């Protein structure tokens, strides 16, 4: 049975978010939580796929031209189960790479948001 919410998560975020950066940040934040749950064996790879790391979300991220880091983040995360089967010793490195990408997405988008917020505050003060 398909999980229709996760199948359309990226599309829903695109429709409701102010920018692609906000969408990427949200996906990275959610993804970090899912990766942590995987690392702690709290959820299965199947659950991670249903929640976020699936082909439908990946295709939507590409279709909407989200950042290259966001696309790579999906690519790394979608391969966790395959890595476990083919090269289990490499799973920790795969997690580390995906976490690094997510942190970079969050850091990049946070600094853009803070810059825009500071600019709005300065303009508001100058207008007084």
Protein backbone atom coordinates (compact mmCIF):
# COMPACT_ATOMS: atom_id res chain seq x y z
CA UNK A 1 0.00 0.00 0.00
CA UNK A 2 1.36 3.41 -0.95
CA UNK A 3 1.71 6.14 1.61
CA UNK A 4 0.15 9.03 -0.28
CA UNK A 5 1.33 11.67 2.19
CA UNK A 6 5.01 10.87 1.77
CA UNK A 7 4.61 10.30 -1.97
CA UNK A 8 3.64 13.95 -2.27
CA UNK A 9 5.63 15.48 0.58
CA UNK A 10 7.97 17.50 -1.62
CA UNK A 11 5.05 18.71 -3.74
CA UNK A 12 3.14 19.74 -0.60
CA UNK A 13 6.14 21.61 0.76
CA UNK A 14 6.70 23.36 -2.58
CA UNK A 15 3.09 24.57 -2.58
CA UNK A 16 3.16 25.78 1.02
CA UNK A 17 6.71 27.12 1.49
CA UNK A 18 7.97 30.61 0.71
CA UNK A 19 11.07 29.37 -1.15
CA UNK A 20 12.96 26.37 -2.43
CA UNK A 21 15.55 26.98 0.29
CA UNK A 22 12.82 26.62 2.91
CA UNK A 23 11.75 23.34 1.31
CA UNK A 24 15.33 22.05 1.26
CA UNK A 25 15.84 23.04 4.89
CA UNK A 26 12.64 21.31 5.96
CA UNK A 27 13.58 18.12 4.08
CA UNK A 28 17.07 18.16 5.60
CA UNK A 29 15.70 18.65 9.12
CA UNK A 30 13.19 15.83 8.68
CA UNK A 31 15.85 13.65 7.11
CA UNK A 32 18.21 14.14 10.05
CA UNK A 33 15.51 12.86 12.38
CA UNK A 34 14.92 9.84 10.19
CA UNK A 35 18.64 9.08 9.93
CA UNK A 36 18.98 9.31 13.71
CA UNK A 37 16.07 6.89 14.12
CA UNK A 38 17.70 4.50 11.63
CA UNK A 39 21.04 4.69 13.43
CA UNK A 40 19.33 3.90 16.73
CA UNK A 41 17.30 1.07 15.14
CA UNK A 42 14.06 2.82 16.04
CA UNK A 43 12.68 2.56 12.50
CA UNK A 44 13.29 0.28 9.54
CA UNK A 45 14.63 1.18 6.12
CA UNK A 46 11.13 0.52 4.81
CA UNK A 47 9.70 3.10 7.22
CA UNK A 48 12.36 5.62 6.20
CA UNK A 49 11.36 5.03 2.58
CA UNK A 50 7.67 5.50 3.38
CA UNK A 51 8.35 8.63 5.43
CA UNK A 52 10.71 10.51 3.11
CA UNK A 53 13.43 8.70 1.20
CA UNK A 54 11.44 7.39 -1.76
CA UNK A 55 11.54 7.74 -5.52
CA UNK A 56 8.47 9.99 -5.69
CA UNK A 57 9.99 12.58 -3.35
CA UNK A 58 13.36 12.33 -5.11
CA UNK A 59 11.75 12.89 -8.52
CA UNK A 60 9.79 15.86 -7.18
CA UNK A 61 12.97 17.37 -5.71
CA UNK A 62 14.67 17.04 -9.10
CA UNK A 63 11.61 18.29 -11.01
CA UNK A 64 11.49 21.43 -8.86
CA UNK A 65 15.25 21.86 -9.15
CA UNK A 66 16.01 21.87 -5.46
CA UNK A 67 19.66 22.44 -4.60
CA UNK A 68 22.30 19.95 -5.72
CA UNK A 69 23.02 19.19 -2.04
CA UNK A 70 19.34 18.32 -1.52
CA UNK A 71 19.40 15.96 -4.49
CA UNK A 72 22.63 14.32 -3.25
CA UNK A 73 21.12 14.03 0.23
CA UNK A 74 18.23 12.03 -1.20
CA UNK A 75 20.57 9.90 -3.29
CA UNK A 76 22.73 8.96 -0.30
CA UNK A 77 19.74 8.28 1.96
CA UNK A 78 17.89 6.21 -0.62
CA UNK A 79 20.90 3.87 -0.81
CA UNK A 80 21.18 3.03 2.91
CA UNK A 81 19.44 -0.33 2.58
CA UNK A 82 21.52 -1.31 -0.46
CA UNK A 83 24.72 -0.35 1.36
CA UNK A 84 23.67 -2.54 4.29
CA UNK A 85 23.21 -5.51 1.97
CA UNK A 86 26.27 -5.00 -0.22
CA UNK A 87 28.86 -3.40 2.09
CA UNK A 88 27.57 -3.25 5.68
CA UNK A 89 30.85 -1.82 6.94
CA UNK A 90 30.26 1.26 4.78
CA UNK A 91 26.86 2.12 6.30
CA UNK A 92 28.35 4.40 8.97
CA UNK A 93 30.14 6.37 6.25
CA UNK A 94 26.91 6.63 4.25
CA UNK A 95 25.07 7.96 7.30
CA UNK A 96 27.91 10.40 7.94
CA UNK A 97 27.85 11.70 4.36
CA UNK A 98 24.06 12.17 4.39
CA UNK A 99 24.21 13.94 7.76
CA UNK A 100 26.99 16.20 6.46
CA UNK A 101 24.88 17.15 3.43
CA UNK A 102 21.82 17.82 5.60
CA UNK A 103 23.84 20.01 7.96
CA UNK A 104 25.27 21.92 5.01
CA UNK A 105 21.76 22.47 3.60
CA UNK A 106 20.50 23.69 6.97
CA UNK A 107 23.50 25.96 7.49
CA UNK A 108 23.30 27.45 4.01
CA UNK A 109 19.57 28.06 4.13
CA UNK A 110 19.69 29.40 7.70
CA UNK A 111 22.31 31.98 6.78
CA UNK A 112 20.22 33.12 3.78
CA UNK A 113 17.11 33.40 5.99
CA UNK A 114 19.02 35.32 8.67
CA UNK A 115 20.46 37.66 6.04
CA UNK A 116 17.02 38.34 4.58
CA UNK A 117 15.59 38.87 8.08
CA UNK A 118 18.36 41.32 8.99
CA UNK A 119 17.78 43.21 5.75
CA UNK A 120 14.04 43.49 6.48
CA UNK A 121 14.77 44.72 10.01
CA UNK A 122 17.18 47.38 8.72
CA UNK A 123 14.66 48.54 6.12
CA UNK A 124 11.95 48.70 8.77
CA UNK A 125 14.15 50.83 11.07
CA UNK A 126 15.23 53.08 8.18
CA UNK A 127 11.60 53.64 7.19
CA UNK A 128 10.78 55.11 10.59
